[in-house]
């Protein structure tokens, strides 16, 4: 289940990890820990994507360069979110607790 919490985050943002964590947190301390970790990371990615979108608004008024910079930033956050979610999934599958390097610890 911990592996699924990480993997669902790549496709459902924070909803998948939230559902897994809420349903299975009492069953296993490992699932509780990794569910919170995946949820915190997906919330961090959502905040990053929102910030990139807000930053893209003033950049959109700069022809060509603004759209490229904003798009690359948005794409970079999305790709990093996907890659780290897959890494978390692989580590949880091994039974190793995974810590995302850039996650805000909002849920403890």
PDB file of N, CA and C in Angstrom:
ATOM      1  N   UNK A   1       0.811  -1.197   0.000  1.00  0.00           N
ATOM      2  CA  UNK A   1       0.000   0.000   0.000  1.00  0.00           C
ATOM      3  C   UNK A   1       0.859   1.268   0.000  1.00  0.00           C
ATOM      4  N   UNK A   2       1.995   1.222   0.664  1.00  0.00           N
ATOM      5  CA  UNK A   2       2.875   2.394   0.674  1.00  0.00           C
ATOM      6  C   UNK A   2       3.377   2.688  -0.730  1.00  0.00           C
ATOM      7  N   UNK A   3       3.692   1.629  -1.464  1.00  0.00           N
ATOM      8  CA  UNK A   3       4.139   1.794  -2.845  1.00  0.00           C
ATOM      9  C   UNK A   3       3.033   2.437  -3.677  1.00  0.00           C
ATOM     10  N   UNK A   4       1.803   2.021  -3.463  1.00  0.00           N
ATOM     11  CA  UNK A   4       0.672   2.557  -4.207  1.00  0.00           C
ATOM     12  C   UNK A   4       0.447   4.034  -3.883  1.00  0.00           C
ATOM     13  N   UNK A   5       0.687   4.432  -2.650  1.00  0.00           N
ATOM     14  CA  UNK A   5       0.539   5.843  -2.280  1.00  0.00           C
ATOM     15  C   UNK A   5       1.501   6.712  -3.076  1.00  0.00           C
ATOM     16  N   UNK A   6       2.737   6.256  -3.223  1.00  0.00           N
ATOM     17  CA  UNK A   6       3.714   7.009  -4.011  1.00  0.00           C
ATOM     18  C   UNK A   6       3.335   7.003  -5.491  1.00  0.00           C
ATOM     19  N   UNK A   7       2.955   5.848  -6.008  1.00  0.00           N
ATOM     20  CA  UNK A   7       2.654   5.712  -7.429  1.00  0.00           C
ATOM     21  C   UNK A   7       1.406   6.495  -7.818  1.00  0.00           C
ATOM     22  N   UNK A   8       0.374   6.446  -7.001  1.00  0.00           N
ATOM     23  CA  UNK A   8      -0.848   7.186  -7.321  1.00  0.00           C
ATOM     24  C   UNK A   8      -0.612   8.689  -7.342  1.00  0.00           C
ATOM     25  N   UNK A   9       0.346   9.154  -6.555  1.00  0.00           N
ATOM     26  CA  UNK A   9       0.656  10.576  -6.547  1.00  0.00           C
ATOM     27  C   UNK A   9       1.096  11.081  -7.905  1.00  0.00           C
ATOM     28  N   UNK A  10       1.750  10.236  -8.681  1.00  0.00           N
ATOM     29  CA  UNK A  10       2.215  10.637 -10.010  1.00  0.00           C
ATOM     30  C   UNK A  10       1.047  10.857 -10.969  1.00  0.00           C
ATOM     31  N   UNK A  11      -0.088  10.241 -10.694  1.00  0.00           N
ATOM     32  CA  UNK A  11      -1.215  10.320 -11.620  1.00  0.00           C
ATOM     33  C   UNK A  11      -2.421  11.078 -11.076  1.00  0.00           C
ATOM     34  N   UNK A  12      -2.543  11.169  -9.756  1.00  0.00           N
ATOM     35  CA  UNK A  12      -3.738  11.788  -9.171  1.00  0.00           C
ATOM     36  C   UNK A  12      -3.421  12.986  -8.284  1.00  0.00           C
ATOM     37  N   UNK A  13      -2.207  13.472  -8.355  1.00  0.00           N
ATOM     38  CA  UNK A  13      -1.753  14.559  -7.493  1.00  0.00           C
ATOM     39  C   UNK A  13      -1.867  14.102  -6.035  1.00  0.00           C
ATOM     40  N   UNK A  14      -2.469  14.897  -5.183  1.00  0.00           N
ATOM     41  CA  UNK A  14      -2.498  14.542  -3.765  1.00  0.00           C
ATOM     42  C   UNK A  14      -3.694  13.675  -3.384  1.00  0.00           C
ATOM     43  N   UNK A  15      -4.653  13.482  -4.286  1.00  0.00           N
ATOM     44  CA  UNK A  15      -5.847  12.707  -3.947  1.00  0.00           C
ATOM     45  C   UNK A  15      -5.558  11.231  -3.681  1.00  0.00           C
ATOM     46  N   UNK A  16      -4.769  10.599  -4.532  1.00  0.00           N
ATOM     47  CA  UNK A  16      -4.444   9.183  -4.343  1.00  0.00           C
ATOM     48  C   UNK A  16      -3.739   8.909  -3.027  1.00  0.00           C
ATOM     49  N   UNK A  17      -2.629   9.620  -2.749  1.00  0.00           N
ATOM     50  CA  UNK A  17      -1.961   9.407  -1.457  1.00  0.00           C
ATOM     51  C   UNK A  17      -2.854   9.732  -0.256  1.00  0.00           C
ATOM     52  N   UNK A  18      -3.714  10.738  -0.397  1.00  0.00           N
ATOM     53  CA  UNK A  18      -4.617  11.098   0.699  1.00  0.00           C
ATOM     54  C   UNK A  18      -5.586   9.959   0.999  1.00  0.00           C
ATOM     55  N   UNK A  19      -6.170   9.375  -0.039  1.00  0.00           N
ATOM     56  CA  UNK A  19      -7.123   8.282   0.160  1.00  0.00           C
ATOM     57  C   UNK A  19      -6.432   7.063   0.765  1.00  0.00           C
ATOM     58  N   UNK A  20      -5.271   6.695   0.215  1.00  0.00           N
ATOM     59  CA  UNK A  20      -4.529   5.542   0.750  1.00  0.00           C
ATOM     60  C   UNK A  20      -4.165   5.784   2.213  1.00  0.00           C
ATOM     61  N   UNK A  21      -3.666   6.974   2.514  1.00  0.00           N
ATOM     62  CA  UNK A  21      -3.245   7.275   3.885  1.00  0.00           C
ATOM     63  C   UNK A  21      -4.436   7.239   4.844  1.00  0.00           C
ATOM     64  N   UNK A  22      -5.559   7.847   4.455  1.00  0.00           N
ATOM     65  CA  UNK A  22      -6.723   7.878   5.342  1.00  0.00           C
ATOM     66  C   UNK A  22      -7.293   6.485   5.597  1.00  0.00           C
ATOM     67  N   UNK A  23      -7.276   5.635   4.580  1.00  0.00           N
ATOM     68  CA  UNK A  23      -7.857   4.302   4.726  1.00  0.00           C
ATOM     69  C   UNK A  23      -6.925   3.344   5.465  1.00  0.00           C
ATOM     70  N   UNK A  24      -5.623   3.406   5.200  1.00  0.00           N
ATOM     71  CA  UNK A  24      -4.691   2.384   5.689  1.00  0.00           C
ATOM     72  C   UNK A  24      -3.729   2.840   6.782  1.00  0.00           C
ATOM     73  N   UNK A  25      -3.846   4.067   7.270  1.00  0.00           N
ATOM     74  CA  UNK A  25      -2.861   4.558   8.243  1.00  0.00           C
ATOM     75  C   UNK A  25      -2.883   3.787   9.564  1.00  0.00           C
ATOM     76  N   UNK A  26      -4.006   3.215   9.924  1.00  0.00           N
ATOM     77  CA  UNK A  26      -4.106   2.461  11.176  1.00  0.00           C
ATOM     78  C   UNK A  26      -3.554   1.043  11.040  1.00  0.00           C
ATOM     79  N   UNK A  27      -3.465   0.530   9.816  1.00  0.00           N
ATOM     80  CA  UNK A  27      -3.063  -0.864   9.605  1.00  0.00           C
ATOM     81  C   UNK A  27      -1.565  -1.093   9.761  1.00  0.00           C
ATOM     82  N   UNK A  28      -0.759  -0.105   9.368  1.00  0.00           N
ATOM     83  CA  UNK A  28       0.687  -0.315   9.359  1.00  0.00           C
ATOM     84  C   UNK A  28       1.413   1.001   9.615  1.00  0.00           C
ATOM     85  N   UNK A  29       2.382   1.006  10.520  1.00  0.00           N
ATOM     86  CA  UNK A  29       3.168   2.225  10.733  1.00  0.00           C
ATOM     87  C   UNK A  29       3.934   2.644   9.475  1.00  0.00           C
ATOM     88  N   UNK A  30       4.379   1.665   8.684  1.00  0.00           N
ATOM     89  CA  UNK A  30       5.108   1.975   7.447  1.00  0.00           C
ATOM     90  C   UNK A  30       4.196   2.667   6.436  1.00  0.00           C
ATOM     91  N   UNK A  31       2.981   2.168   6.275  1.00  0.00           N
ATOM     92  CA  UNK A  31       2.029   2.794   5.350  1.00  0.00           C
ATOM     93  C   UNK A  31       1.651   4.182   5.859  1.00  0.00           C
ATOM     94  N   UNK A  32       1.501   4.329   7.161  1.00  0.00           N
ATOM     95  CA  UNK A  32       1.206   5.636   7.746  1.00  0.00           C
ATOM     96  C   UNK A  32       2.318   6.629   7.422  1.00  0.00           C
ATOM     97  N   UNK A  33       3.563   6.229   7.645  1.00  0.00           N
ATOM     98  CA  UNK A  33       4.713   7.102   7.392  1.00  0.00           C
ATOM     99  C   UNK A  33       4.845   7.442   5.909  1.00  0.00           C
ATOM    100  N   UNK A  34       4.799   6.436   5.059  1.00  0.00           N
ATOM    101  CA  UNK A  34       5.001   6.666   3.630  1.00  0.00           C
ATOM    102  C   UNK A  34       3.804   7.354   2.983  1.00  0.00           C
ATOM    103  N   UNK A  35       2.612   7.114   3.503  1.00  0.00           N
ATOM    104  CA  UNK A  35       1.433   7.824   3.010  1.00  0.00           C
ATOM    105  C   UNK A  35       1.536   9.314   3.289  1.00  0.00           C
ATOM    106  N   UNK A  36       1.973   9.656   4.501  1.00  0.00           N
ATOM    107  CA  UNK A  36       2.178  11.074   4.836  1.00  0.00           C
ATOM    108  C   UNK A  36       3.276  11.681   3.981  1.00  0.00           C
ATOM    109  N   UNK A  37       4.341  10.916   3.760  1.00  0.00           N
ATOM    110  CA  UNK A  37       5.456  11.412   2.952  1.00  0.00           C
ATOM    111  C   UNK A  37       5.005  11.693   1.519  1.00  0.00           C
ATOM    112  N   UNK A  38       4.274  10.751   0.927  1.00  0.00           N
ATOM    113  CA  UNK A  38       3.782  10.927  -0.440  1.00  0.00           C
ATOM    114  C   UNK A  38       2.798  12.090  -0.511  1.00  0.00           C
ATOM    115  N   UNK A  39       1.936  12.198   0.475  1.00  0.00           N
ATOM    116  CA  UNK A  39       0.959  13.288   0.506  1.00  0.00           C
ATOM    117  C   UNK A  39       1.647  14.638   0.639  1.00  0.00           C
ATOM    118  N   UNK A  40       2.614  14.745   1.541  1.00  0.00           N
ATOM    119  CA  UNK A  40       3.364  15.997   1.693  1.00  0.00           C
ATOM    120  C   UNK A  40       4.062  16.385   0.397  1.00  0.00           C
ATOM    121  N   UNK A  41       4.648  15.406  -0.281  1.00  0.00           N
ATOM    122  CA  UNK A  41       5.349  15.712  -1.523  1.00  0.00           C
ATOM    123  C   UNK A  41       4.381  16.167  -2.608  1.00  0.00           C
ATOM    124  N   UNK A  42       3.250  15.509  -2.733  1.00  0.00           N
ATOM    125  CA  UNK A  42       2.301  15.897  -3.776  1.00  0.00           C
ATOM    126  C   UNK A  42       1.693  17.272  -3.499  1.00  0.00           C
ATOM    127  N   UNK A  43       1.511  17.615  -2.248  1.00  0.00           N
ATOM    128  CA  UNK A  43       1.061  18.971  -1.909  1.00  0.00           C
ATOM    129  C   UNK A  43       2.148  19.976  -2.286  1.00  0.00           C
ATOM    130  N   UNK A  44       3.405  19.639  -2.029  1.00  0.00           N
ATOM    131  CA  UNK A  44       4.525  20.502  -2.408  1.00  0.00           C
ATOM    132  C   UNK A  44       4.583  20.695  -3.917  1.00  0.00           C
ATOM    133  N   UNK A  45       4.393  19.626  -4.681  1.00  0.00           N
ATOM    134  CA  UNK A  45       4.390  19.726  -6.147  1.00  0.00           C
ATOM    135  C   UNK A  45       3.234  20.608  -6.608  1.00  0.00           C
ATOM    136  N   UNK A  46       2.060  20.447  -6.012  1.00  0.00           N
ATOM    137  CA  UNK A  46       0.910  21.274  -6.385  1.00  0.00           C
ATOM    138  C   UNK A  46       1.188  22.752  -6.110  1.00  0.00           C
ATOM    139  N   UNK A  47       1.823  23.046  -4.990  1.00  0.00           N
ATOM    140  CA  UNK A  47       2.191  24.430  -4.678  1.00  0.00           C
ATOM    141  C   UNK A  47       3.198  24.945  -5.694  1.00  0.00           C
ATOM    142  N   UNK A  48       4.171  24.115  -6.062  1.00  0.00           N
ATOM    143  CA  UNK A  48       5.168  24.507  -7.063  1.00  0.00           C
ATOM    144  C   UNK A  48       4.546  24.773  -8.422  1.00  0.00           C
ATOM    145  N   UNK A  49       3.611  23.933  -8.842  1.00  0.00           N
ATOM    146  CA  UNK A  49       2.935  24.144 -10.127  1.00  0.00           C
ATOM    147  C   UNK A  49       2.085  25.411 -10.096  1.00  0.00           C
ATOM    148  N   UNK A  50       1.423  25.650  -8.975  1.00  0.00           N
ATOM    149  CA  UNK A  50       0.623  26.869  -8.831  1.00  0.00           C
ATOM    150  C   UNK A  50       1.517  28.107  -8.887  1.00  0.00           C
ATOM    151  N   UNK A  51       2.648  28.058  -8.185  1.00  0.00           N
ATOM    152  CA  UNK A  51       3.587  29.186  -8.195  1.00  0.00           C
ATOM    153  C   UNK A  51       4.148  29.416  -9.595  1.00  0.00           C
ATOM    154  N   UNK A  52       4.456  28.342 -10.314  1.00  0.00           N
ATOM    155  CA  UNK A  52       4.959  28.482 -11.683  1.00  0.00           C
ATOM    156  C   UNK A  52       3.896  29.098 -12.585  1.00  0.00           C
ATOM    157  N   UNK A  53       2.647  28.714 -12.384  1.00  0.00           N
ATOM    158  CA  UNK A  53       1.556  29.301 -13.162  1.00  0.00           C
ATOM    159  C   UNK A  53       1.379  30.779 -12.874  1.00  0.00           C
ATOM    160  N   UNK A  54       1.456  31.158 -11.606  1.00  0.00           N
ATOM    161  CA  UNK A  54       1.345  32.574 -11.229  1.00  0.00           C
ATOM    162  C   UNK A  54       2.517  33.364 -11.799  1.00  0.00           C
ATOM    163  N   UNK A  55       3.706  32.798 -11.739  1.00  0.00           N
ATOM    164  CA  UNK A  55       4.889  33.460 -12.287  1.00  0.00           C
ATOM    165  C   UNK A  55       4.787  33.617 -13.800  1.00  0.00           C
ATOM    166  N   UNK A  56       4.096  32.714 -14.438  1.00  0.00           N
ATOM    167  CA  UNK A  56       3.958  32.752 -15.890  1.00  0.00           C
ATOM    168  C   UNK A  56       3.058  33.895 -16.360  1.00  0.00           C
ATOM    169  N   UNK A  57       2.193  34.411 -15.505  1.00  0.00           N
ATOM    170  CA  UNK A  57       1.282  35.490 -15.906  1.00  0.00           C
ATOM    171  C   UNK A  57       2.051  36.742 -16.325  1.00  0.00           C
ATOM    172  N   UNK A  58       2.937  37.296 -15.490  1.00  0.00           N
ATOM    173  CA  UNK A  58       3.674  38.471 -15.978  1.00  0.00           C
ATOM    174  C   UNK A  58       4.673  38.128 -17.088  1.00  0.00           C
ATOM    175  N   UNK A  59       5.206  36.904 -17.058  1.00  0.00           N
ATOM    176  CA  UNK A  59       6.155  36.514 -18.103  1.00  0.00           C
ATOM    177  C   UNK A  59       5.483  36.380 -19.464  1.00  0.00           C
ATOM    178  N   UNK A  60       4.189  36.156 -19.478  1.00  0.00           N
ATOM    179  CA  UNK A  60       3.473  35.990 -20.746  1.00  0.00           C
ATOM    180  C   UNK A  60       3.487  37.266 -21.575  1.00  0.00           C
ATOM    181  N   UNK A  61       3.726  38.397 -20.952  1.00  0.00           N
ATOM    182  CA  UNK A  61       3.752  39.668 -21.681  1.00  0.00           C
ATOM    183  C   UNK A  61       5.089  39.919 -22.371  1.00  0.00           C
ATOM    184  N   UNK A  62       6.067  39.076 -22.110  1.00  0.00           N
ATOM    185  CA  UNK A  62       7.353  39.175 -22.801  1.00  0.00           C
ATOM    186  C   UNK A  62       7.295  38.200 -23.975  1.00  0.00           C
ATOM    187  N   UNK A  63       7.305  38.696 -25.194  1.00  0.00           N
ATOM    188  CA  UNK A  63       7.136  37.802 -26.344  1.00  0.00           C
ATOM    189  C   UNK A  63       8.202  36.710 -26.392  1.00  0.00           C
ATOM    190  N   UNK A  64       7.788  35.528 -26.695  1.00  0.00           N
ATOM    191  CA  UNK A  64       8.591  34.328 -26.885  1.00  0.00           C
ATOM    192  C   UNK A  64       9.374  33.904 -25.641  1.00  0.00           C
ATOM    193  N   UNK A  65      10.213  34.764 -25.129  1.00  0.00           N
ATOM    194  CA  UNK A  65      11.067  34.398 -23.992  1.00  0.00           C
ATOM    195  C   UNK A  65      10.230  34.100 -22.750  1.00  0.00           C
ATOM    196  N   UNK A  66       9.241  34.925 -22.474  1.00  0.00           N
ATOM    197  CA  UNK A  66       8.424  34.745 -21.280  1.00  0.00           C
ATOM    198  C   UNK A  66       7.680  33.431 -21.273  1.00  0.00           C
ATOM    199  N   UNK A  67       7.078  33.103 -22.399  1.00  0.00           N
ATOM    200  CA  UNK A  67       6.344  31.839 -22.484  1.00  0.00           C
ATOM    201  C   UNK A  67       7.278  30.646 -22.363  1.00  0.00           C
ATOM    202  N   UNK A  68       8.444  30.744 -22.950  1.00  0.00           N
ATOM    203  CA  UNK A  68       9.414  29.641 -22.873  1.00  0.00           C
ATOM    204  C   UNK A  68       9.889  29.431 -21.440  1.00  0.00           C
ATOM    205  N   UNK A  69      10.228  30.503 -20.760  1.00  0.00           N
ATOM    206  CA  UNK A  69      10.725  30.390 -19.384  1.00  0.00           C
ATOM    207  C   UNK A  69       9.638  29.829 -18.474  1.00  0.00           C
ATOM    208  N   UNK A  70       8.441  30.371 -18.578  1.00  0.00           N
ATOM    209  CA  UNK A  70       7.343  29.888 -17.744  1.00  0.00           C
ATOM    210  C   UNK A  70       6.992  28.443 -18.035  1.00  0.00           C
ATOM    211  N   UNK A  71       6.972  28.083 -19.303  1.00  0.00           N
ATOM    212  CA  UNK A  71       6.660  26.709 -19.682  1.00  0.00           C
ATOM    213  C   UNK A  71       7.714  25.727 -19.226  1.00  0.00           C
ATOM    214  N   UNK A  72       8.964  26.109 -19.345  1.00  0.00           N
ATOM    215  CA  UNK A  72      10.060  25.236 -18.911  1.00  0.00           C
ATOM    216  C   UNK A  72      10.020  25.047 -17.394  1.00  0.00           C
ATOM    217  N   UNK A  73       9.726  26.116 -16.661  1.00  0.00           N
ATOM    218  CA  UNK A  73       9.620  26.015 -15.208  1.00  0.00           C
ATOM    219  C   UNK A  73       8.481  25.078 -14.816  1.00  0.00           C
ATOM    220  N   UNK A  74       7.325  25.248 -15.443  1.00  0.00           N
ATOM    221  CA  UNK A  74       6.168  24.420 -15.145  1.00  0.00           C
ATOM    222  C   UNK A  74       6.450  22.959 -15.494  1.00  0.00           C
ATOM    223  N   UNK A  75       7.058  22.738 -16.648  1.00  0.00           N
ATOM    224  CA  UNK A  75       7.404  21.388 -17.083  1.00  0.00           C
ATOM    225  C   UNK A  75       8.440  20.756 -16.148  1.00  0.00           C
ATOM    226  N   UNK A  76       9.415  21.542 -15.707  1.00  0.00           N
ATOM    227  CA  UNK A  76      10.446  21.033 -14.799  1.00  0.00           C
ATOM    228  C   UNK A  76       9.871  20.568 -13.476  1.00  0.00           C
ATOM    229  N   UNK A  77       8.944  21.338 -12.923  1.00  0.00           N
ATOM    230  CA  UNK A  77       8.307  20.938 -11.662  1.00  0.00           C
ATOM    231  C   UNK A  77       7.514  19.649 -11.867  1.00  0.00           C
ATOM    232  N   UNK A  78       6.799  19.565 -12.976  1.00  0.00           N
ATOM    233  CA  UNK A  78       6.011  18.364 -13.257  1.00  0.00           C
ATOM    234  C   UNK A  78       6.866  17.126 -13.448  1.00  0.00           C
ATOM    235  N   UNK A  79       7.943  17.257 -14.197  1.00  0.00           N
ATOM    236  CA  UNK A  79       8.832  16.111 -14.431  1.00  0.00           C
ATOM    237  C   UNK A  79       9.521  15.690 -13.135  1.00  0.00           C
ATOM    238  N   UNK A  80       9.971  16.656 -12.345  1.00  0.00           N
ATOM    239  CA  UNK A  80      10.599  16.323 -11.058  1.00  0.00           C
ATOM    240  C   UNK A  80       9.602  15.597 -10.156  1.00  0.00           C
ATOM    241  N   UNK A  81       8.357  16.046 -10.148  1.00  0.00           N
ATOM    242  CA  UNK A  81       7.332  15.376  -9.353  1.00  0.00           C
ATOM    243  C   UNK A  81       7.124  13.939  -9.781  1.00  0.00           C
ATOM    244  N   UNK A  82       7.108  13.711 -11.082  1.00  0.00           N
ATOM    245  CA  UNK A  82       6.932  12.358 -11.609  1.00  0.00           C
ATOM    246  C   UNK A  82       8.126  11.465 -11.269  1.00  0.00           C
ATOM    247  N   UNK A  83       9.327  11.968 -11.481  1.00  0.00           N
ATOM    248  CA  UNK A  83      10.538  11.175 -11.229  1.00  0.00           C
ATOM    249  C   UNK A  83      10.657  10.815  -9.748  1.00  0.00           C
ATOM    250  N   UNK A  84      10.461  11.791  -8.870  1.00  0.00           N
ATOM    251  CA  UNK A  84      10.586  11.505  -7.440  1.00  0.00           C
ATOM    252  C   UNK A  84       9.476  10.584  -6.941  1.00  0.00           C
ATOM    253  N   UNK A  85       8.277  10.686  -7.520  1.00  0.00           N
ATOM    254  CA  UNK A  85       7.199   9.769  -7.132  1.00  0.00           C
ATOM    255  C   UNK A  85       7.549   8.334  -7.519  1.00  0.00           C
ATOM    256  N   UNK A  86       8.145   8.153  -8.692  1.00  0.00           N
ATOM    257  CA  UNK A  86       8.561   6.811  -9.118  1.00  0.00           C
ATOM    258  C   UNK A  86       9.676   6.286  -8.217  1.00  0.00           C
ATOM    259  N   UNK A  87      10.633   7.150  -7.867  1.00  0.00           N
ATOM    260  CA  UNK A  87      11.699   6.733  -6.944  1.00  0.00           C
ATOM    261  C   UNK A  87      11.123   6.323  -5.587  1.00  0.00           C
ATOM    262  N   UNK A  88      10.162   7.089  -5.091  1.00  0.00           N
ATOM    263  CA  UNK A  88       9.515   6.747  -3.825  1.00  0.00           C
ATOM    264  C   UNK A  88       8.784   5.424  -3.907  1.00  0.00           C
ATOM    265  N   UNK A  89       8.133   5.186  -5.031  1.00  0.00           N
ATOM    266  CA  UNK A  89       7.429   3.928  -5.261  1.00  0.00           C
ATOM    267  C   UNK A  89       8.398   2.748  -5.228  1.00  0.00           C
ATOM    268  N   UNK A  90       9.521   2.885  -5.903  1.00  0.00           N
ATOM    269  CA  UNK A  90      10.509   1.801  -5.950  1.00  0.00           C
ATOM    270  C   UNK A  90      11.105   1.518  -4.573  1.00  0.00           C
ATOM    271  N   UNK A  91      11.398   2.567  -3.819  1.00  0.00           N
ATOM    272  CA  UNK A  91      11.966   2.377  -2.475  1.00  0.00           C
ATOM    273  C   UNK A  91      10.942   1.754  -1.526  1.00  0.00           C
ATOM    274  N   UNK A  92       9.693   2.203  -1.606  1.00  0.00           N
ATOM    275  CA  UNK A  92       8.654   1.636  -0.742  1.00  0.00           C
ATOM    276  C   UNK A  92       8.410   0.173  -1.085  1.00  0.00           C
ATOM    277  N   UNK A  93       8.552  -0.176  -2.349  1.00  0.00           N
ATOM    278  CA  UNK A  93       8.394  -1.570  -2.762  1.00  0.00           C
ATOM    279  C   UNK A  93       9.463  -2.457  -2.116  1.00  0.00           C
ATOM    280  N   UNK A  94      10.649  -1.894  -1.890  1.00  0.00           N
ATOM    281  CA  UNK A  94      11.730  -2.634  -1.215  1.00  0.00           C
ATOM    282  C   UNK A  94      11.534  -2.685   0.302  1.00  0.00           C
ATOM    283  N   UNK A  95      10.605  -1.877   0.810  1.00  0.00           N
ATOM    284  CA  UNK A  95      10.392  -1.810   2.249  1.00  0.00           C
ATOM    285  C   UNK A  95      11.231  -0.752   2.928  1.00  0.00           C
ATOM    286  N   UNK A  96      11.842   0.129   2.132  1.00  0.00           N
ATOM    287  CA  UNK A  96      12.688   1.194   2.653  1.00  0.00           C
ATOM    288  C   UNK A  96      11.884   2.485   2.749  1.00  0.00           C
ATOM    289  N   UNK A  97      11.990   3.160   3.879  1.00  0.00           N
ATOM    290  CA  UNK A  97      11.313   4.451   4.032  1.00  0.00           C
ATOM    291  C   UNK A  97      11.989   5.476   3.131  1.00  0.00           C
ATOM    292  N   UNK A  98      11.213   6.132   2.284  1.00  0.00           N
ATOM    293  CA  UNK A  98      11.750   7.110   1.339  1.00  0.00           C
ATOM    294  C   UNK A  98      11.417   8.511   1.818  1.00  0.00           C
ATOM    295  N   UNK A  99      12.384   9.395   1.733  1.00  0.00           N
ATOM    296  CA  UNK A  99      12.191  10.802   2.079  1.00  0.00           C
ATOM    297  C   UNK A  99      12.436  11.637   0.831  1.00  0.00           C
ATOM    298  N   UNK A 100      11.428  12.400   0.438  1.00  0.00           N
ATOM    299  CA  UNK A 100      11.568  13.284  -0.717  1.00  0.00           C
ATOM    300  C   UNK A 100      12.479  14.443  -0.344  1.00  0.00           C
ATOM    301  N   UNK A 101      13.391  14.819  -1.233  1.00  0.00           N
ATOM    302  CA  UNK A 101      14.368  15.852  -0.882  1.00  0.00           C
ATOM    303  C   UNK A 101      13.787  17.259  -0.775  1.00  0.00           C
ATOM    304  N   UNK A 102      12.706  17.562  -1.474  1.00  0.00           N
ATOM    305  CA  UNK A 102      12.202  18.936  -1.497  1.00  0.00           C
ATOM    306  C   UNK A 102      10.796  19.066  -0.933  1.00  0.00           C
ATOM    307  N   UNK A 103      10.345  18.109  -0.145  1.00  0.00           N
ATOM    308  CA  UNK A 103       8.966  18.122   0.341  1.00  0.00           C
ATOM    309  C   UNK A 103       8.819  18.997   1.580  1.00  0.00           C
ATOM    310  N   UNK A 104       7.759  19.777   1.591  1.00  0.00           N
ATOM    311  CA  UNK A 104       7.383  20.512   2.794  1.00  0.00           C
ATOM    312  C   UNK A 104       6.688  19.528   3.725  1.00  0.00           C
ATOM    313  N   UNK A 105       7.037  19.524   4.975  1.00  0.00           N
ATOM    314  CA  UNK A 105       6.423  18.602   5.934  1.00  0.00           C
ATOM    315  C   UNK A 105       5.192  19.284   6.543  1.00  0.00           C
ATOM    316  N   UNK A 106       4.091  19.259   5.811  1.00  0.00           N
ATOM    317  CA  UNK A 106       2.872  19.919   6.250  1.00  0.00           C
ATOM    318  C   UNK A 106       2.014  19.012   7.127  1.00  0.00           C
ATOM    319  N   UNK A 107       2.033  17.720   6.834  1.00  0.00           N
ATOM    320  CA  UNK A 107       1.270  16.746   7.611  1.00  0.00           C
ATOM    321  C   UNK A 107       2.274  15.894   8.379  1.00  0.00           C
ATOM    322  N   UNK A 108       2.135  15.901   9.704  1.00  0.00           N
ATOM    323  CA  UNK A 108       3.123  15.154  10.497  1.00  0.00           C
ATOM    324  C   UNK A 108       2.490  14.075  11.335  1.00  0.00           C
TER     325      UNK A 108
END
